PDB file of N, CA and C in Angstrom:
ATOM      1  N   MET A   1       1.071  -1.263  -0.019  1.00  0.00           N
ATOM      2  CA  MET A   1       0.032  -0.097  -0.282  1.00  0.00           C
ATOM      3  C   MET A   1       0.760   1.258   0.127  1.00  0.00           C
ATOM      4  N   ALA A   2       0.183   2.183  -1.005  1.00  0.00           N
ATOM      5  CA  ALA A   2       1.710   3.936  -0.900  1.00  0.00           C
ATOM      6  C   ALA A   2       0.405   4.810  -1.084  1.00  0.00           C
ATOM      7  N   ALA A   3       0.930   5.541  -1.143  1.00  0.00           N
ATOM      8  CA  ALA A   3       0.463   6.971  -1.454  1.00  0.00           C
ATOM      9  C   ALA A   3       1.380   8.062  -2.312  1.00  0.00           C
ATOM     10  N   ILE A   4       0.570   8.554  -2.840  1.00  0.00           N
ATOM     11  CA  ILE A   4       2.027   9.865  -3.990  1.00  0.00           C
ATOM     12  C   ILE A   4       1.292  10.831  -3.379  1.00  0.00           C
ATOM     13  N   PHE A   5       2.261  11.904  -2.970  1.00  0.00           N
ATOM     14  CA  PHE A   5       1.613  13.173  -2.697  1.00  0.00           C
ATOM     15  C   PHE A   5       2.057  14.154  -3.534  1.00  0.00           C
ATOM     16  N   HIS A   6       1.403  15.200  -3.816  1.00  0.00           N
ATOM     17  CA  HIS A   6       1.779  16.888  -4.933  1.00  0.00           C
ATOM     18  C   HIS A   6       2.336  17.636  -3.887  1.00  0.00           C
ATOM     19  N   GLU A   7       2.834  18.107  -4.279  1.00  0.00           N
ATOM     20  CA  GLU A   7       3.636  19.118  -3.222  1.00  0.00           C
ATOM     21  C   GLU A   7       4.115  20.493  -4.097  1.00  0.00           C
ATOM     22  N   GLN A   8       3.297  21.751  -3.926  1.00  0.00           N
ATOM     23  CA  GLN A   8       3.565  22.606  -5.262  1.00  0.00           C
ATOM     24  C   GLN A   8       4.147  23.886  -4.176  1.00  0.00           C
ATOM     25  N   CYS A   9       5.346  24.604  -4.561  1.00  0.00           N
ATOM     26  CA  CYS A   9       6.150  25.322  -4.083  1.00  0.00           C
ATOM     27  C   CYS A   9       5.507  26.396  -4.895  1.00  0.00           C
ATOM     28  N   ARG A  10       4.800  27.893  -4.518  1.00  0.00           N
ATOM     29  CA  ARG A  10       4.594  28.796  -5.286  1.00  0.00           C
ATOM     30  C   ARG A  10       4.806  30.066  -4.574  1.00  0.00           C
ATOM     31  N   PHE A  11       5.916  30.989  -4.358  1.00  0.00           N
ATOM     32  CA  PHE A  11       5.783  32.083  -3.582  1.00  0.00           C
ATOM     33  C   PHE A  11       7.226  33.027  -4.387  1.00  0.00           C
ATOM     34  N   THR A  12       6.169  33.927  -3.909  1.00  0.00           N
ATOM     35  CA  THR A  12       7.364  35.570  -4.484  1.00  0.00           C
ATOM     36  C   THR A  12       7.972  36.121  -2.901  1.00  0.00           C
ATOM     37  N   GLU A  13       8.785  36.435  -2.967  1.00  0.00           N
ATOM     38  CA  GLU A  13      10.042  37.164  -2.152  1.00  0.00           C
ATOM     39  C   GLU A  13      10.001  38.534  -2.313  1.00  0.00           C
ATOM     40  N   VAL A  14       9.032  39.617  -1.599  1.00  0.00           N
ATOM     41  CA  VAL A  14       8.725  40.681  -1.735  1.00  0.00           C
ATOM     42  C   VAL A  14       9.756  41.776  -1.059  1.00  0.00           C
ATOM     43  N   VAL A  15      10.999  42.209  -1.178  1.00  0.00           N
ATOM     44  CA  VAL A  15      11.975  42.385  -0.584  1.00  0.00           C
ATOM     45  C   VAL A  15      11.891  44.427  -0.893  1.00  0.00           C
ATOM     46  N   ASP A  16      11.077  44.546  -1.251  1.00  0.00           N
ATOM     47  CA  ASP A  16      11.106  46.370  -0.886  1.00  0.00           C
ATOM     48  C   ASP A  16       9.523  46.867  -1.439  1.00  0.00           C
ATOM     49  N   THR A  17       8.956  47.603  -1.330  1.00  0.00           N
ATOM     50  CA  THR A  17       7.522  48.413  -1.698  1.00  0.00           C
ATOM     51  C   THR A  17       7.884  49.933  -1.997  1.00  0.00           C
ATOM     52  N   TYR A  18       7.222  50.714  -2.847  1.00  0.00           N
ATOM     53  CA  TYR A  18       7.214  52.278  -2.797  1.00  0.00           C
ATOM     54  C   TYR A  18       5.318  52.045  -3.419  1.00  0.00           C
ATOM     55  N   THR A  19       4.912  53.311  -2.557  1.00  0.00           N
ATOM     56  CA  THR A  19       3.719  53.436  -2.458  1.00  0.00           C
ATOM     57  C   THR A  19       3.867  55.369  -3.785  1.00  0.00           C
ATOM     58  N   ASP A  20       2.878  55.277  -4.514  1.00  0.00           N
ATOM     59  CA  ASP A  20       2.944  56.199  -5.329  1.00  0.00           C
ATOM     60  C   ASP A  20       1.660  56.907  -4.591  1.00  0.00           C
ATOM     61  N   HIS A  21       1.798  58.120  -3.845  1.00  0.00           N
ATOM     62  CA  HIS A  21       0.240  58.206  -2.821  1.00  0.00           C
ATOM     63  C   HIS A  21      -0.267  59.695  -3.849  1.00  0.00           C
ATOM     64  N   ARG A  22       0.145  59.561  -5.053  1.00  0.00           N
ATOM     65  CA  ARG A  22      -0.205  60.759  -5.697  1.00  0.00           C
ATOM     66  C   ARG A  22      -1.552  59.953  -6.811  1.00  0.00           C
ATOM     67  N   LEU A  23      -1.147  58.634  -7.153  1.00  0.00           N
ATOM     68  CA  LEU A  23      -1.519  57.591  -8.097  1.00  0.00           C
ATOM     69  C   LEU A  23      -2.445  56.640  -6.819  1.00  0.00           C
ATOM     70  N   ASP A  24      -2.378  56.609  -5.419  1.00  0.00           N
ATOM     71  CA  ASP A  24      -2.510  55.817  -4.753  1.00  0.00           C
ATOM     72  C   ASP A  24      -2.534  54.484  -5.270  1.00  0.00           C
ATOM     73  N   GLU A  25      -1.412  53.747  -5.453  1.00  0.00           N
ATOM     74  CA  GLU A  25      -0.629  52.513  -5.708  1.00  0.00           C
ATOM     75  C   GLU A  25       0.607  52.563  -5.308  1.00  0.00           C
ATOM     76  N   THR A  26       0.515  50.762  -4.801  1.00  0.00           N
ATOM     77  CA  THR A  26       1.591  50.235  -4.252  1.00  0.00           C
ATOM     78  C   THR A  26       2.337  49.400  -5.355  1.00  0.00           C
ATOM     79  N   TYR A  27       3.605  49.644  -5.171  1.00  0.00           N
ATOM     80  CA  TYR A  27       4.089  49.075  -6.104  1.00  0.00           C
ATOM     81  C   TYR A  27       5.001  47.755  -5.240  1.00  0.00           C
ATOM     82  N   TYR A  28       5.719  46.660  -5.539  1.00  0.00           N
ATOM     83  CA  TYR A  28       6.467  45.510  -5.053  1.00  0.00           C
ATOM     84  C   TYR A  28       7.573  45.216  -5.897  1.00  0.00           C
ATOM     85  N   GLU A  29       9.076  45.374  -5.244  1.00  0.00           N
ATOM     86  CA  GLU A  29       9.779  45.123  -5.978  1.00  0.00           C
ATOM     87  C   GLU A  29      10.399  43.312  -5.544  1.00  0.00           C
ATOM     88  N   THR A  30      10.331  42.332  -6.476  1.00  0.00           N
ATOM     89  CA  THR A  30      10.201  41.067  -5.792  1.00  0.00           C
ATOM     90  C   THR A  30      11.770  40.800  -6.615  1.00  0.00           C
ATOM     91  N   GLY A  31      12.244  39.625  -5.417  1.00  0.00           N
ATOM     92  CA  GLY A  31      12.983  38.973  -5.410  1.00  0.00           C
ATOM     93  C   GLY A  31      13.308  37.788  -5.893  1.00  0.00           C
ATOM     94  N   ARG A  32      13.192  36.618  -5.068  1.00  0.00           N
ATOM     95  CA  ARG A  32      13.530  34.926  -5.391  1.00  0.00           C
ATOM     96  C   ARG A  32      12.052  34.172  -5.392  1.00  0.00           C
ATOM     97  N   GLU A  33      11.639  33.655  -6.687  1.00  0.00           N
ATOM     98  CA  GLU A  33      10.687  33.049  -6.895  1.00  0.00           C
ATOM     99  C   GLU A  33      10.924  31.658  -7.083  1.00  0.00           C
ATOM    100  N   CYS A  34       9.401  31.029  -6.800  1.00  0.00           N
ATOM    101  CA  CYS A  34       9.626  29.315  -6.729  1.00  0.00           C
ATOM    102  C   CYS A  34       8.225  28.972  -7.723  1.00  0.00           C
ATOM    103  N   GLU A  35       8.083  28.158  -8.249  1.00  0.00           N
ATOM    104  CA  GLU A  35       7.374  27.547  -9.037  1.00  0.00           C
ATOM    105  C   GLU A  35       7.426  26.018  -9.191  1.00  0.00           C
ATOM    106  N   ALA A  36       7.880  25.218  -8.328  1.00  0.00           N
ATOM    107  CA  ALA A  36       8.572  23.868  -8.157  1.00  0.00           C
ATOM    108  C   ALA A  36       7.743  23.074  -7.773  1.00  0.00           C
ATOM    109  N   GLU A  37       7.376  21.780  -8.255  1.00  0.00           N
ATOM    110  CA  GLU A  37       6.132  21.058  -8.186  1.00  0.00           C
ATOM    111  C   GLU A  37       7.064  19.634  -7.839  1.00  0.00           C
ATOM    112  N   ARG A  38       6.825  18.661  -6.796  1.00  0.00           N
ATOM    113  CA  ARG A  38       7.506  17.657  -6.008  1.00  0.00           C
ATOM    114  C   ARG A  38       6.028  17.124  -6.018  1.00  0.00           C
ATOM    115  N   HIS A  39       6.893  15.470  -6.474  1.00  0.00           N
ATOM    116  CA  HIS A  39       5.900  14.247  -6.197  1.00  0.00           C
ATOM    117  C   HIS A  39       7.251  13.205  -5.412  1.00  0.00           C
ATOM    118  N   TYR A  40       6.122  12.385  -3.876  1.00  0.00           N
ATOM    119  CA  TYR A  40       6.669  11.816  -3.147  1.00  0.00           C
ATOM    120  C   TYR A  40       5.579  10.747  -3.401  1.00  0.00           C
ATOM    121  N   ARG A  41       6.477   9.577  -3.243  1.00  0.00           N
ATOM    122  CA  ARG A  41       5.671   8.339  -2.666  1.00  0.00           C
ATOM    123  C   ARG A  41       6.182   7.609  -1.402  1.00  0.00           C
ATOM    124  N   PHE A  42       5.277   7.420  -0.720  1.00  0.00           N
ATOM    125  CA  PHE A  42       5.135   6.912   0.492  1.00  0.00           C
ATOM    126  C   PHE A  42       4.676   5.102   1.014  1.00  0.00           C
ATOM    127  N   GLU A  43       5.503   4.626   1.537  1.00  0.00           N
ATOM    128  CA  GLU A  43       5.120   3.393   1.439  1.00  0.00           C
ATOM    129  C   GLU A  43       4.408   3.079   2.595  1.00  0.00           C
ATOM    130  N   LEU A  44       3.324   2.226   2.943  1.00  0.00           N
ATOM    131  CA  LEU A  44       2.879   1.749   4.138  1.00  0.00           C
ATOM    132  C   LEU A  44       4.072   1.075   5.055  1.00  0.00           C
ATOM    133  N   ALA A  45       4.419   1.430   6.019  1.00  0.00           N
ATOM    134  CA  ALA A  45       5.294   0.575   7.041  1.00  0.00           C
ATOM    135  C   ALA A  45       4.718  -0.015   8.031  1.00  0.00           C
ATOM    136  N   TYR A  46       4.127   0.845   8.362  1.00  0.00           N
ATOM    137  CA  TYR A  46       2.872   0.367   9.974  1.00  0.00           C
ATOM    138  C   TYR A  46       2.011   0.555  10.357  1.00  0.00           C
ATOM    139  N   VAL A  47       1.266   0.154  10.899  1.00  0.00           N
ATOM    140  CA  VAL A  47      -0.107   0.944  11.276  1.00  0.00           C
ATOM    141  C   VAL A  47      -0.158   0.751  13.161  1.00  0.00           C
ATOM    142  N   VAL A  48      -0.891   1.763  13.744  1.00  0.00           N
ATOM    143  CA  VAL A  48      -0.942   1.704  15.521  1.00  0.00           C
ATOM    144  C   VAL A  48      -2.457   1.439  15.313  1.00  0.00           C
ATOM    145  N   ASP A  49      -2.917   0.506  15.898  1.00  0.00           N
ATOM    146  CA  ASP A  49      -4.570   0.449  15.720  1.00  0.00           C
ATOM    147  C   ASP A  49      -4.754   0.594  17.285  1.00  0.00           C
ATOM    148  N   GLU A  50      -6.126   0.686  17.014  1.00  0.00           N
ATOM    149  CA  GLU A  50      -7.108   1.693  18.672  1.00  0.00           C
ATOM    150  C   GLU A  50      -6.431   1.497  19.754  1.00  0.00           C
ATOM    151  N   SER A  51      -5.714   0.125  20.185  1.00  0.00           N
ATOM    152  CA  SER A  51      -5.269  -0.696  21.616  1.00  0.00           C
ATOM    153  C   SER A  51      -3.844  -0.055  21.482  1.00  0.00           C
ATOM    154  N   GLY A  52      -3.334   0.517  20.588  1.00  0.00           N
ATOM    155  CA  GLY A  52      -1.748   0.963  20.590  1.00  0.00           C
ATOM    156  C   GLY A  52      -0.842  -0.066  20.393  1.00  0.00           C
ATOM    157  N   THR A  53      -1.250  -0.954  19.218  1.00  0.00           N
ATOM    158  CA  THR A  53      -0.846  -2.598  18.621  1.00  0.00           C
ATOM    159  C   THR A  53      -0.191  -1.832  18.049  1.00  0.00           C
ATOM    160  N   ARG A  54       1.402  -1.896  17.587  1.00  0.00           N
ATOM    161  CA  ARG A  54       1.702  -1.327  16.019  1.00  0.00           C
ATOM    162  C   ARG A  54       1.711  -3.321  15.242  1.00  0.00           C
ATOM    163  N   LEU A  55       1.279  -2.579  14.248  1.00  0.00           N
ATOM    164  CA  LEU A  55       1.529  -3.954  13.022  1.00  0.00           C
ATOM    165  C   LEU A  55       2.203  -3.223  11.633  1.00  0.00           C
ATOM    166  N   ASP A  56       3.574  -4.373  11.841  1.00  0.00           N
ATOM    167  CA  ASP A  56       4.033  -3.827  10.817  1.00  0.00           C
ATOM    168  C   ASP A  56       3.483  -4.353   9.446  1.00  0.00           C
ATOM    169  N   ARG A  57       4.321  -4.072   8.161  1.00  0.00           N
ATOM    170  CA  ARG A  57       3.666  -4.576   7.115  1.00  0.00           C
ATOM    171  C   ARG A  57       3.472  -5.774   6.767  1.00  0.00           C
ATOM    172  N   ASP A  58       4.541  -6.889   7.510  1.00  0.00           N
ATOM    173  CA  ASP A  58       4.307  -8.443   7.583  1.00  0.00           C
ATOM    174  C   ASP A  58       3.278  -8.757   8.477  1.00  0.00           C
ATOM    175  N   ASP A  59       2.881  -8.040   9.724  1.00  0.00           N
ATOM    176  CA  ASP A  59       1.499  -8.570   9.959  1.00  0.00           C
ATOM    177  C   ASP A  59       0.076  -8.283   9.032  1.00  0.00           C
ATOM    178  N   ILE A  60       0.272  -7.041   8.551  1.00  0.00           N
ATOM    179  CA  ILE A  60      -0.565  -6.748   7.724  1.00  0.00           C
ATOM    180  C   ILE A  60      -0.649  -7.717   6.514  1.00  0.00           C
ATOM    181  N   ASP A  61       0.274  -7.964   5.931  1.00  0.00           N
ATOM    182  CA  ASP A  61       0.263  -9.118   4.620  1.00  0.00           C
ATOM    183  C   ASP A  61       0.098 -10.377   5.188  1.00  0.00           C
ATOM    184  N   ARG A  62       0.334 -10.624   6.625  1.00  0.00           N
ATOM    185  CA  ARG A  62      -0.138 -11.903   7.263  1.00  0.00           C
ATOM    186  C   ARG A  62      -1.745 -11.714   7.394  1.00  0.00           C
ATOM    187  N   LEU A  63      -2.093 -10.944   7.758  1.00  0.00           N
ATOM    188  CA  LEU A  63      -3.757 -10.749   7.723  1.00  0.00           C
ATOM    189  C   LEU A  63      -4.857 -10.767   6.631  1.00  0.00           C
ATOM    190  N   GLU A  64      -3.911  -9.889   5.646  1.00  0.00           N
ATOM    191  CA  GLU A  64      -4.681 -10.532   4.278  1.00  0.00           C
ATOM    192  C   GLU A  64      -4.668 -12.132   3.871  1.00  0.00           C
ATOM    193  N   GLU A  65      -3.303 -12.563   3.579  1.00  0.00           N
ATOM    194  CA  GLU A  65      -3.574 -13.873   3.815  1.00  0.00           C
ATOM    195  C   GLU A  65      -4.587 -14.865   4.442  1.00  0.00           C
ATOM    196  N   GLU A  66      -4.493 -14.507   5.780  1.00  0.00           N
ATOM    197  CA  GLU A  66      -5.644 -15.294   6.008  1.00  0.00           C
ATOM    198  C   GLU A  66      -6.841 -15.199   6.432  1.00  0.00           C
ATOM    199  N   GLY A  67      -7.014 -13.916   5.292  1.00  0.00           N
ATOM    200  CA  GLY A  67      -9.116 -13.121   5.663  1.00  0.00           C
ATOM    201  C   GLY A  67      -9.509 -12.587   6.100  1.00  0.00           C
ATOM    202  N   ASP A  68      -8.584 -12.294   7.393  1.00  0.00           N
ATOM    203  CA  ASP A  68      -8.989 -11.805   8.754  1.00  0.00           C
ATOM    204  C   ASP A  68      -9.464 -10.235   8.513  1.00  0.00           C
ATOM    205  N   ASP A  69     -10.938 -10.148   9.089  1.00  0.00           N
ATOM    206  CA  ASP A  69     -11.785  -9.370   8.832  1.00  0.00           C
ATOM    207  C   ASP A  69     -11.465  -7.648   9.243  1.00  0.00           C
ATOM    208  N   GLY A  70     -10.122  -8.017  10.514  1.00  0.00           N
ATOM    209  CA  GLY A  70      -9.388  -6.503  10.861  1.00  0.00           C
ATOM    210  C   GLY A  70      -8.346  -5.803   9.467  1.00  0.00           C
ATOM    211  N   PHE A  71      -8.130  -6.776   8.602  1.00  0.00           N
ATOM    212  CA  PHE A  71      -7.309  -6.442   7.428  1.00  0.00           C
ATOM    213  C   PHE A  71      -7.901  -5.372   6.770  1.00  0.00           C
ATOM    214  N   GLU A  72      -9.461  -5.814   6.408  1.00  0.00           N
ATOM    215  CA  GLU A  72     -10.123  -4.543   5.529  1.00  0.00           C
ATOM    216  C   GLU A  72     -10.438  -3.522   6.588  1.00  0.00           C
ATOM    217  N   THR A  73     -10.484  -3.570   7.931  1.00  0.00           N
ATOM    218  CA  THR A  73     -10.754  -2.587   9.020  1.00  0.00           C
ATOM    219  C   THR A  73      -9.668  -1.407   8.847  1.00  0.00           C
ATOM    220  N   ILE A  74      -8.349  -2.380   8.902  1.00  0.00           N
ATOM    221  CA  ILE A  74      -6.905  -1.294   8.605  1.00  0.00           C
ATOM    222  C   ILE A  74      -7.148  -0.573   7.221  1.00  0.00           C
ATOM    223  N   ILE A  75      -7.266  -1.546   6.218  1.00  0.00           N
ATOM    224  CA  ILE A  75      -6.950  -0.851   4.950  1.00  0.00           C
ATOM    225  C   ILE A  75      -7.909   0.266   4.742  1.00  0.00           C
ATOM    226  N   GLU A  76      -8.990   0.211   5.333  1.00  0.00           N
ATOM    227  CA  GLU A  76     -10.242   1.529   4.906  1.00  0.00           C
ATOM    228  C   GLU A  76      -9.424   2.420   5.811  1.00  0.00           C
ATOM    229  N   ALA A  77      -8.996   2.014   7.150  1.00  0.00           N
ATOM    230  CA  ALA A  77      -8.566   3.713   8.024  1.00  0.00           C
ATOM    231  C   ALA A  77      -7.576   4.259   7.255  1.00  0.00           C
ATOM    232  N   VAL A  78      -6.600   3.538   6.653  1.00  0.00           N
ATOM    233  CA  VAL A  78      -5.449   3.805   6.019  1.00  0.00           C
ATOM    234  C   VAL A  78      -5.720   4.917   4.965  1.00  0.00           C
ATOM    235  N   ILE A  79      -6.565   4.350   4.000  1.00  0.00           N
ATOM    236  CA  ILE A  79      -7.412   4.821   2.767  1.00  0.00           C
ATOM    237  C   ILE A  79      -7.521   6.331   3.161  1.00  0.00           C
ATOM    238  N   ALA A  80      -8.875   5.967   4.225  1.00  0.00           N
ATOM    239  CA  ALA A  80      -9.560   6.976   4.580  1.00  0.00           C
ATOM    240  C   ALA A  80      -8.365   8.391   5.169  1.00  0.00           C
ATOM    241  N   ALA A  81      -7.402   7.894   5.765  1.00  0.00           N
ATOM    242  CA  ALA A  81      -6.517   8.764   6.701  1.00  0.00           C
ATOM    243  C   ALA A  81      -5.633   9.582   5.212  1.00  0.00           C
ATOM    244  N   GLU A  82      -5.687   8.831   3.912  1.00  0.00           N
ATOM    245  CA  GLU A  82      -4.595   9.097   3.070  1.00  0.00           C
ATOM    246  C   GLU A  82      -5.244  10.327   2.153  1.00  0.00           C
ATOM    247  N   GLN A  83      -6.778   9.894   2.481  1.00  0.00           N
ATOM    248  CA  GLN A  83      -7.858  10.857   1.541  1.00  0.00           C
ATOM    249  C   GLN A  83      -7.814  12.182   2.056  1.00  0.00           C
ATOM    250  N   ALA A  84      -7.961  12.125   3.771  1.00  0.00           N
ATOM    251  CA  ALA A  84      -7.899  13.026   4.341  1.00  0.00           C
ATOM    252  C   ALA A  84      -7.129  14.554   3.929  1.00  0.00           C
ATOM    253  N   PHE A  85      -5.523  14.091   3.556  1.00  0.00           N
ATOM    254  CA  PHE A  85      -4.665  14.669   2.781  1.00  0.00           C
ATOM    255  C   PHE A  85      -5.101  15.485   0.817  1.00  0.00           C
ATOM    256  N   PRO A  86      -5.403  16.829   0.961  1.00  0.00           N
ATOM    257  CA  PRO A  86      -5.634  17.221  -0.513  1.00  0.00           C
ATOM    258  C   PRO A  86      -4.330  17.133  -1.580  1.00  0.00           C
ATOM    259  N   GLU A  87      -3.174  16.770  -0.768  1.00  0.00           N
ATOM    260  CA  GLU A  87      -2.310  16.980  -2.123  1.00  0.00           C
ATOM    261  C   GLU A  87      -1.556  15.305  -1.954  1.00  0.00           C
ATOM    262  N   VAL A  88      -2.816  14.674  -1.883  1.00  0.00           N
ATOM    263  CA  VAL A  88      -2.986  12.967  -2.177  1.00  0.00           C
ATOM    264  C   VAL A  88      -2.997  13.386  -3.980  1.00  0.00           C
ATOM    265  N   VAL A  89      -2.396  12.558  -4.900  1.00  0.00           N
ATOM    266  CA  VAL A  89      -2.566  12.432  -6.524  1.00  0.00           C
ATOM    267  C   VAL A  89      -3.258  10.901  -6.630  1.00  0.00           C
ATOM    268  N   ASP A  90      -2.254   9.790  -5.700  1.00  0.00           N
ATOM    269  CA  ASP A  90      -2.866   8.358  -6.281  1.00  0.00           C
ATOM    270  C   ASP A  90      -2.954   7.751  -4.815  1.00  0.00           C
ATOM    271  N   ILE A  91      -3.628   6.738  -4.915  1.00  0.00           N
ATOM    272  CA  ILE A  91      -3.538   5.577  -3.349  1.00  0.00           C
ATOM    273  C   ILE A  91      -3.456   4.494  -4.052  1.00  0.00           C
ATOM    274  N   ASP A  92      -2.170   3.933  -3.855  1.00  0.00           N
ATOM    275  CA  ASP A  92      -2.052   2.191  -3.864  1.00  0.00           C
ATOM    276  C   ASP A  92      -1.593   1.887  -5.445  1.00  0.00           C
ATOM    277  N   PRO A  93      -0.492   2.915  -5.710  1.00  0.00           N
ATOM    278  CA  PRO A  93      -0.346   3.150  -6.699  1.00  0.00           C
ATOM    279  C   PRO A  93       1.155   1.384  -7.279  1.00  0.00           C
ATOM    280  N   ASP A  94       0.800   1.302  -8.619  1.00  0.00           N
ATOM    281  CA  ASP A  94       1.857   0.624  -9.012  1.00  0.00           C
ATOM    282  C   ASP A  94       3.308   0.912  -8.620  1.00  0.00           C
ATOM    283  N   ARG A  95       3.995   0.214  -7.988  1.00  0.00           N
ATOM    284  CA  ARG A  95       5.427   0.259  -7.803  1.00  0.00           C
ATOM    285  C   ARG A  95       6.280   1.064  -8.728  1.00  0.00           C
ATOM    286  N   GLN A  96       6.190   0.676  -9.957  1.00  0.00           N
ATOM    287  CA  GLN A  96       6.990   1.620 -11.067  1.00  0.00           C
ATOM    288  C   GLN A  96       6.469   3.122 -10.937  1.00  0.00           C
ATOM    289  N   GLU A  97       5.476   3.656 -10.307  1.00  0.00           N
ATOM    290  CA  GLU A  97       4.986   4.554 -10.311  1.00  0.00           C
ATOM    291  C   GLU A  97       5.896   5.744  -9.011  1.00  0.00           C
ATOM    292  N   GLY A  98       5.755   6.648  -8.840  1.00  0.00           N
ATOM    293  CA  GLY A  98       6.776   7.535  -8.147  1.00  0.00           C
ATOM    294  C   GLY A  98       8.248   7.752  -7.540  1.00  0.00           C
TER     295      GLY A  98
END
């Protein structure tokens, strides 16, 4: 299970301003600018359940193989947590992506 997050860096540094009182306008002198975009891929390493028990990736895989109902609950909770972030581009993509 993995998620790809999209990060945007969009800013302009204002280094000085000048106000023309006659025209009632403000002019800005800009410095550095950034319009970069990055993508990060995060693999699920572990989950901590409500009781505080840590389940590593091997434990989650074992639950899936056994057909345990706890596996579906864990996956639904992980997907809900990932979808809470607006920067998420894709959930559970192929390993070749990201």
